[in-house]
Amino acid sequence: MASSGKKTKGKQKIEIKIIKNEDDRLISFSKRRTRIYKKSLSSPLYVVVRFFLLFSYQLVNLIRLVIRLLNLSLNAF
């Protein structure tokens, strides 16, 4: 018969607390970095910020173009 005791702890809830040792904290972050960045890419806030940056960059280009066209039209008269 199989033993009735579990060999592993399985999925358990862990207490979230600040890691006081800085080396341990950096190691823990480096292990989770790619997953954190992946989750942030799918975050709606990230999408909004990217859209805003793209829009603001295009807006600056549009303003520069309008100013250049206005200067050309003013110089033509």
PDB file of N, CA and C in Angstrom:
ATOM      1  N   MET A   1       0.821  -1.188   0.000  1.00  0.00           N
ATOM      2  CA  MET A   1       0.000   0.000   0.000  1.00  0.00           C
ATOM      3  C   MET A   1       0.867   1.255   0.000  1.00  0.00           C
ATOM      4  N   ALA A   2       0.318   2.302  -0.563  1.00  0.00           N
ATOM      5  CA  ALA A   2       1.035   3.568  -0.605  1.00  0.00           C
ATOM      6  C   ALA A   2       0.964   4.239   0.755  1.00  0.00           C
ATOM      7  N   SER A   3       2.011   4.995   1.061  1.00  0.00           N
ATOM      8  CA  SER A   3       2.004   5.698   2.347  1.00  0.00           C
ATOM      9  C   SER A   3       1.005   6.846   2.288  1.00  0.00           C
ATOM     10  N   SER A   4       0.399   7.119   3.408  1.00  0.00           N
ATOM     11  CA  SER A   4      -0.644   8.143   3.441  1.00  0.00           C
ATOM     12  C   SER A   4      -0.070   9.548   3.589  1.00  0.00           C
ATOM     13  N   GLY A   5       1.205   9.675   3.981  1.00  0.00           N
ATOM     14  CA  GLY A   5       1.808  11.000   4.164  1.00  0.00           C
ATOM     15  C   GLY A   5       2.263  11.607   2.850  1.00  0.00           C
ATOM     16  N   LYS A   6       2.184  12.919   2.774  1.00  0.00           N
ATOM     17  CA  LYS A   6       2.645  13.616   1.572  1.00  0.00           C
ATOM     18  C   LYS A   6       4.161  13.734   1.598  1.00  0.00           C
ATOM     19  N   LYS A   7       4.778  13.646   0.437  1.00  0.00           N
ATOM     20  CA  LYS A   7       6.230  13.782   0.345  1.00  0.00           C
ATOM     21  C   LYS A   7       6.647  15.239   0.161  1.00  0.00           C
ATOM     22  N   THR A   8       5.763  16.064  -0.402  1.00  0.00           N
ATOM     23  CA  THR A   8       6.077  17.479  -0.608  1.00  0.00           C
ATOM     24  C   THR A   8       5.063  18.334   0.118  1.00  0.00           C
ATOM     25  N   LYS A   9       5.413  19.588   0.282  1.00  0.00           N
ATOM     26  CA  LYS A   9       4.500  20.518   0.947  1.00  0.00           C
ATOM     27  C   LYS A   9       3.394  20.982   0.005  1.00  0.00           C
ATOM     28  N   GLY A  10       3.632  20.889  -1.294  1.00  0.00           N
ATOM     29  CA  GLY A  10       2.625  21.320  -2.255  1.00  0.00           C
ATOM     30  C   GLY A  10       2.530  22.835  -2.332  1.00  0.00           C
ATOM     31  N   LYS A  11       1.447  23.309  -2.892  1.00  0.00           N
ATOM     32  CA  LYS A  11       1.241  24.747  -3.039  1.00  0.00           C
ATOM     33  C   LYS A  11       0.693  25.290  -1.727  1.00  0.00           C
ATOM     34  N   GLN A  12       1.442  26.167  -1.119  1.00  0.00           N
ATOM     35  CA  GLN A  12       1.033  26.735   0.157  1.00  0.00           C
ATOM     36  C   GLN A  12       1.039  28.251   0.073  1.00  0.00           C
ATOM     37  N   LYS A  13       0.263  28.862   0.939  1.00  0.00           N
ATOM     38  CA  LYS A  13       0.264  30.303   1.044  1.00  0.00           C
ATOM     39  C   LYS A  13       1.476  30.717   1.864  1.00  0.00           C
ATOM     40  N   ILE A  14       2.203  31.709   1.374  1.00  0.00           N
ATOM     41  CA  ILE A  14       3.349  32.187   2.132  1.00  0.00           C
ATOM     42  C   ILE A  14       3.094  33.616   2.575  1.00  0.00           C
ATOM     43  N   GLU A  15       3.705  33.975   3.668  1.00  0.00           N
ATOM     44  CA  GLU A  15       3.557  35.323   4.188  1.00  0.00           C
ATOM     45  C   GLU A  15       4.446  36.258   3.371  1.00  0.00           C
ATOM     46  N   ILE A  16       3.882  37.373   2.925  1.00  0.00           N
ATOM     47  CA  ILE A  16       4.654  38.343   2.159  1.00  0.00           C
ATOM     48  C   ILE A  16       5.275  39.317   3.147  1.00  0.00           C
ATOM     49  N   LYS A  17       6.591  39.404   3.121  1.00  0.00           N
ATOM     50  CA  LYS A  17       7.292  40.310   4.023  1.00  0.00           C
ATOM     51  C   LYS A  17       8.539  40.837   3.327  1.00  0.00           C
ATOM     52  N   ILE A  18       9.056  41.933   3.831  1.00  0.00           N
ATOM     53  CA  ILE A  18      10.246  42.550   3.260  1.00  0.00           C
ATOM     54  C   ILE A  18      11.462  41.697   3.593  1.00  0.00           C
ATOM     55  N   ILE A  19      12.293  41.465   2.584  1.00  0.00           N
ATOM     56  CA  ILE A  19      13.542  40.733   2.798  1.00  0.00           C
ATOM     57  C   ILE A  19      14.571  41.748   3.281  1.00  0.00           C
ATOM     58  N   LYS A  20      15.036  41.580   4.494  1.00  0.00           N
ATOM     59  CA  LYS A  20      15.915  42.584   5.104  1.00  0.00           C
ATOM     60  C   LYS A  20      17.340  42.539   4.553  1.00  0.00           C
ATOM     61  N   ASN A  21      17.848  41.357   4.258  1.00  0.00           N
ATOM     62  CA  ASN A  21      19.201  41.227   3.729  1.00  0.00           C
ATOM     63  C   ASN A  21      19.202  41.664   2.261  1.00  0.00           C
ATOM     64  N   GLU A  22      20.006  42.680   1.950  1.00  0.00           N
ATOM     65  CA  GLU A  22      19.989  43.248   0.596  1.00  0.00           C
ATOM     66  C   GLU A  22      20.446  42.243  -0.462  1.00  0.00           C
ATOM     67  N   ASP A  23      21.444  41.430  -0.139  1.00  0.00           N
ATOM     68  CA  ASP A  23      21.910  40.420  -1.101  1.00  0.00           C
ATOM     69  C   ASP A  23      20.800  39.424  -1.428  1.00  0.00           C
ATOM     70  N   ASP A  24      20.098  38.965  -0.394  1.00  0.00           N
ATOM     71  CA  ASP A  24      18.991  38.028  -0.610  1.00  0.00           C
ATOM     72  C   ASP A  24      17.880  38.672  -1.435  1.00  0.00           C
ATOM     73  N   ARG A  25      17.642  39.968  -1.180  1.00  0.00           N
ATOM     74  CA  ARG A  25      16.601  40.690  -1.907  1.00  0.00           C
ATOM     75  C   ARG A  25      16.954  40.795  -3.391  1.00  0.00           C
ATOM     76  N   LEU A  26      18.214  41.114  -3.696  1.00  0.00           N
ATOM     77  CA  LEU A  26      18.642  41.229  -5.091  1.00  0.00           C
ATOM     78  C   LEU A  26      18.588  39.883  -5.806  1.00  0.00           C
ATOM     79  N   ILE A  27      18.966  38.827  -5.102  1.00  0.00           N
ATOM     80  CA  ILE A  27      18.904  37.486  -5.690  1.00  0.00           C
ATOM     81  C   ILE A  27      17.458  37.112  -5.986  1.00  0.00           C
ATOM     82  N   SER A  28      16.581  37.401  -5.034  1.00  0.00           N
ATOM     83  CA  SER A  28      15.165  37.083  -5.218  1.00  0.00           C
ATOM     84  C   SER A  28      14.587  37.850  -6.406  1.00  0.00           C
ATOM     85  N   PHE A  29      14.954  39.136  -6.529  1.00  0.00           N
ATOM     86  CA  PHE A  29      14.451  39.932  -7.643  1.00  0.00           C
ATOM     87  C   PHE A  29      14.995  39.420  -8.972  1.00  0.00           C
ATOM     88  N   SER A  30      16.281  39.075  -9.003  1.00  0.00           N
ATOM     89  CA  SER A  30      16.866  38.623 -10.268  1.00  0.00           C
ATOM     90  C   SER A  30      16.227  37.325 -10.750  1.00  0.00           C
ATOM     91  N   LYS A  31      15.760  36.497  -9.827  1.00  0.00           N
ATOM     92  CA  LYS A  31      15.082  35.258 -10.216  1.00  0.00           C
ATOM     93  C   LYS A  31      13.696  35.534 -10.788  1.00  0.00           C
ATOM     94  N   ARG A  32      13.071  36.613 -10.358  1.00  0.00           N
ATOM     95  CA  ARG A  32      11.694  36.904 -10.767  1.00  0.00           C
ATOM     96  C   ARG A  32      11.594  38.006 -11.813  1.00  0.00           C
ATOM     97  N   ARG A  33      12.709  38.610 -12.188  1.00  0.00           N
ATOM     98  CA  ARG A  33      12.709  39.786 -13.055  1.00  0.00           C
ATOM     99  C   ARG A  33      11.962  39.570 -14.367  1.00  0.00           C
ATOM    100  N   THR A  34      12.237  38.487 -15.073  1.00  0.00           N
ATOM    101  CA  THR A  34      11.610  38.286 -16.384  1.00  0.00           C
ATOM    102  C   THR A  34      10.104  38.130 -16.255  1.00  0.00           C
ATOM    103  N   ARG A  35       9.656  37.432 -15.213  1.00  0.00           N
ATOM    104  CA  ARG A  35       8.203  37.276 -15.030  1.00  0.00           C
ATOM    105  C   ARG A  35       7.553  38.609 -14.686  1.00  0.00           C
ATOM    106  N   ILE A  36       8.233  39.420 -13.879  1.00  0.00           N
ATOM    107  CA  ILE A  36       7.682  40.731 -13.511  1.00  0.00           C
ATOM    108  C   ILE A  36       7.562  41.605 -14.757  1.00  0.00           C
ATOM    109  N   TYR A  37       8.598  41.629 -15.584  1.00  0.00           N
ATOM    110  CA  TYR A  37       8.558  42.438 -16.799  1.00  0.00           C
ATOM    111  C   TYR A  37       7.499  41.932 -17.773  1.00  0.00           C
ATOM    112  N   LYS A  38       7.349  40.614 -17.865  1.00  0.00           N
ATOM    113  CA  LYS A  38       6.329  40.054 -18.748  1.00  0.00           C
ATOM    114  C   LYS A  38       4.934  40.474 -18.306  1.00  0.00           C
ATOM    115  N   LYS A  39       4.703  40.434 -16.997  1.00  0.00           N
ATOM    116  CA  LYS A  39       3.394  40.837 -16.485  1.00  0.00           C
ATOM    117  C   LYS A  39       3.165  42.326 -16.693  1.00  0.00           C
ATOM    118  N   SER A  40       4.216  43.130 -16.562  1.00  0.00           N
ATOM    119  CA  SER A  40       4.046  44.568 -16.744  1.00  0.00           C
ATOM    120  C   SER A  40       3.735  44.909 -18.196  1.00  0.00           C
ATOM    121  N   LEU A  41       4.234  44.108 -19.137  1.00  0.00           N
ATOM    122  CA  LEU A  41       3.939  44.358 -20.548  1.00  0.00           C
ATOM    123  C   LEU A  41       2.465  44.154 -20.861  1.00  0.00           C
ATOM    124  N   SER A  42       1.813  43.263 -20.131  1.00  0.00           N
ATOM    125  CA  SER A  42       0.398  43.015 -20.380  1.00  0.00           C
ATOM    126  C   SER A  42      -0.492  43.920 -19.534  1.00  0.00           C
ATOM    127  N   SER A  43       0.113  44.756 -18.725  1.00  0.00           N
ATOM    128  CA  SER A  43      -0.647  45.647 -17.858  1.00  0.00           C
ATOM    129  C   SER A  43      -1.301  46.761 -18.679  1.00  0.00           C
ATOM    130  N   PRO A  44      -2.547  47.098 -18.385  1.00  0.00           N
ATOM    131  CA  PRO A  44      -3.212  48.196 -19.109  1.00  0.00           C
ATOM    132  C   PRO A  44      -2.488  49.527 -18.930  1.00  0.00           C
ATOM    133  N   LEU A  45      -1.898  49.746 -17.773  1.00  0.00           N
ATOM    134  CA  LEU A  45      -1.172  50.986 -17.537  1.00  0.00           C
ATOM    135  C   LEU A  45       0.006  51.105 -18.495  1.00  0.00           C
ATOM    136  N   TYR A  46       0.698  50.016 -18.725  1.00  0.00           N
ATOM    137  CA  TYR A  46       1.827  50.013 -19.654  1.00  0.00           C
ATOM    138  C   TYR A  46       1.347  50.380 -21.053  1.00  0.00           C
ATOM    139  N   VAL A  47       0.211  49.837 -21.457  1.00  0.00           N
ATOM    140  CA  VAL A  47      -0.331  50.115 -22.786  1.00  0.00           C
ATOM    141  C   VAL A  47      -0.677  51.594 -22.906  1.00  0.00           C
ATOM    142  N   VAL A  48      -1.280  52.164 -21.871  1.00  0.00           N
ATOM    143  CA  VAL A  48      -1.650  53.583 -21.893  1.00  0.00           C
ATOM    144  C   VAL A  48      -0.400  54.454 -21.955  1.00  0.00           C
ATOM    145  N   VAL A  49       0.610  54.118 -21.162  1.00  0.00           N
ATOM    146  CA  VAL A  49       1.841  54.908 -21.161  1.00  0.00           C
ATOM    147  C   VAL A  49       2.515  54.839 -22.525  1.00  0.00           C
ATOM    148  N   ARG A  50       2.575  53.647 -23.118  1.00  0.00           N
ATOM    149  CA  ARG A  50       3.183  53.505 -24.442  1.00  0.00           C
ATOM    150  C   ARG A  50       2.416  54.331 -25.476  1.00  0.00           C
ATOM    151  N   PHE A  51       1.085  54.290 -25.418  1.00  0.00           N
ATOM    152  CA  PHE A  51       0.270  55.061 -26.352  1.00  0.00           C
ATOM    153  C   PHE A  51       0.525  56.549 -26.163  1.00  0.00           C
ATOM    154  N   PHE A  52       0.573  56.994 -24.905  1.00  0.00           N
ATOM    155  CA  PHE A  52       0.797  58.409 -24.618  1.00  0.00           C
ATOM    156  C   PHE A  52       2.164  58.850 -25.134  1.00  0.00           C
ATOM    157  N   LEU A  53       3.194  58.020 -24.903  1.00  0.00           N
ATOM    158  CA  LEU A  53       4.526  58.379 -25.381  1.00  0.00           C
ATOM    159  C   LEU A  53       4.558  58.453 -26.901  1.00  0.00           C
ATOM    160  N   LEU A  54       3.933  57.508 -27.556  1.00  0.00           N
ATOM    161  CA  LEU A  54       3.882  57.518 -29.012  1.00  0.00           C
ATOM    162  C   LEU A  54       3.107  58.733 -29.503  1.00  0.00           C
ATOM    163  N   PHE A  55       1.959  59.001 -28.882  1.00  0.00           N
ATOM    164  CA  PHE A  55       1.134  60.128 -29.281  1.00  0.00           C
ATOM    165  C   PHE A  55       1.871  61.442 -29.047  1.00  0.00           C
ATOM    166  N   SER A  56       2.515  61.592 -27.885  1.00  0.00           N
ATOM    167  CA  SER A  56       3.205  62.843 -27.583  1.00  0.00           C
ATOM    168  C   SER A  56       4.380  63.057 -28.533  1.00  0.00           C
ATOM    169  N   TYR A  57       5.066  61.975 -28.900  1.00  0.00           N
ATOM    170  CA  TYR A  57       6.173  62.095 -29.845  1.00  0.00           C
ATOM    171  C   TYR A  57       5.643  62.543 -31.205  1.00  0.00           C
ATOM    172  N   GLN A  58       4.551  61.945 -31.648  1.00  0.00           N
ATOM    173  CA  GLN A  58       3.963  62.320 -32.931  1.00  0.00           C
ATOM    174  C   GLN A  58       3.408  63.738 -32.878  1.00  0.00           C
ATOM    175  N   LEU A  59       2.881  64.136 -31.723  1.00  0.00           N
ATOM    176  CA  LEU A  59       2.344  65.480 -31.577  1.00  0.00           C
ATOM    177  C   LEU A  59       3.453  66.519 -31.720  1.00  0.00           C
ATOM    178  N   VAL A  60       4.594  66.251 -31.116  1.00  0.00           N
ATOM    179  CA  VAL A  60       5.731  67.169 -31.236  1.00  0.00           C
ATOM    180  C   VAL A  60       6.152  67.281 -32.698  1.00  0.00           C
ATOM    181  N   ASN A  61       6.198  66.166 -33.396  1.00  0.00           N
ATOM    182  CA  ASN A  61       6.550  66.205 -34.819  1.00  0.00           C
ATOM    183  C   ASN A  61       5.521  66.992 -35.618  1.00  0.00           C
ATOM    184  N   LEU A  62       4.251  66.828 -35.279  1.00  0.00           N
ATOM    185  CA  LEU A  62       3.193  67.556 -35.967  1.00  0.00           C
ATOM    186  C   LEU A  62       3.320  69.055 -35.714  1.00  0.00           C
ATOM    187  N   ILE A  63       3.599  69.436 -34.491  1.00  0.00           N
ATOM    188  CA  ILE A  63       3.758  70.854 -34.164  1.00  0.00           C
ATOM    189  C   ILE A  63       4.953  71.439 -34.919  1.00  0.00           C
ATOM    190  N   ARG A  64       6.050  70.700 -34.973  1.00  0.00           N
ATOM    191  CA  ARG A  64       7.220  71.168 -35.726  1.00  0.00           C
ATOM    192  C   ARG A  64       6.880  71.349 -37.205  1.00  0.00           C
ATOM    193  N   LEU A  65       6.132  70.417 -37.759  1.00  0.00           N
ATOM    194  CA  LEU A  65       5.748  70.499 -39.164  1.00  0.00           C
ATOM    195  C   LEU A  65       4.869  71.720 -39.414  1.00  0.00           C
ATOM    196  N   VAL A  66       3.906  71.967 -38.536  1.00  0.00           N
ATOM    197  CA  VAL A  66       3.013  73.121 -38.693  1.00  0.00           C
ATOM    198  C   VAL A  66       3.811  74.413 -38.606  1.00  0.00           C
ATOM    199  N   ILE A  67       4.735  74.492 -37.665  1.00  0.00           N
ATOM    200  CA  ILE A  67       5.556  75.700 -37.531  1.00  0.00           C
ATOM    201  C   ILE A  67       6.403  75.912 -38.779  1.00  0.00           C
ATOM    202  N   ARG A  68       6.978  74.846 -39.294  1.00  0.00           N
ATOM    203  CA  ARG A  68       7.795  74.955 -40.502  1.00  0.00           C
ATOM    204  C   ARG A  68       6.937  75.413 -41.683  1.00  0.00           C
ATOM    205  N   LEU A  69       5.729  74.852 -41.809  1.00  0.00           N
ATOM    206  CA  LEU A  69       4.847  75.258 -42.908  1.00  0.00           C
ATOM    207  C   LEU A  69       4.405  76.705 -42.755  1.00  0.00           C
ATOM    208  N   LEU A  70       4.145  77.128 -41.520  1.00  0.00           N
ATOM    209  CA  LEU A  70       3.765  78.526 -41.293  1.00  0.00           C
ATOM    210  C   LEU A  70       4.922  79.458 -41.636  1.00  0.00           C
ATOM    211  N   ASN A  71       6.116  79.077 -41.270  1.00  0.00           N
ATOM    212  CA  ASN A  71       7.287  79.902 -41.609  1.00  0.00           C
ATOM    213  C   ASN A  71       7.467  79.995 -43.117  1.00  0.00           C
ATOM    214  N   LEU A  72       7.251  78.886 -43.808  1.00  0.00           N
ATOM    215  CA  LEU A  72       7.369  78.908 -45.268  1.00  0.00           C
ATOM    216  C   LEU A  72       6.302  79.800 -45.887  1.00  0.00           C
ATOM    217  N   SER A  73       5.087  79.709 -45.373  1.00  0.00           N
ATOM    218  CA  SER A  73       4.007  80.510 -45.953  1.00  0.00           C
ATOM    219  C   SER A  73       4.180  81.988 -45.613  1.00  0.00           C
ATOM    220  N   LEU A  74       4.725  82.299 -44.436  1.00  0.00           N
ATOM    221  CA  LEU A  74       4.965  83.700 -44.088  1.00  0.00           C
ATOM    222  C   LEU A  74       6.110  84.279 -44.914  1.00  0.00           C
ATOM    223  N   ASN A  75       7.099  83.474 -45.212  1.00  0.00           N
ATOM    224  CA  ASN A  75       8.230  83.944 -46.020  1.00  0.00           C
ATOM    225  C   ASN A  75       7.840  84.119 -47.485  1.00  0.00           C
ATOM    226  N   ALA A  76       6.789  83.456 -47.917  1.00  0.00           N
ATOM    227  CA  ALA A  76       6.364  83.547 -49.314  1.00  0.00           C
ATOM    228  C   ALA A  76       5.723  84.893 -49.617  1.00  0.00           C
ATOM    229  N   PHE A  77       5.169  85.550 -48.597  1.00  0.00           N
ATOM    230  CA  PHE A  77       4.494  86.837 -48.839  1.00  0.00           C
ATOM    231  C   PHE A  77       5.428  87.978 -48.724  1.00  0.00           C
TER     232      PHE A  77
END
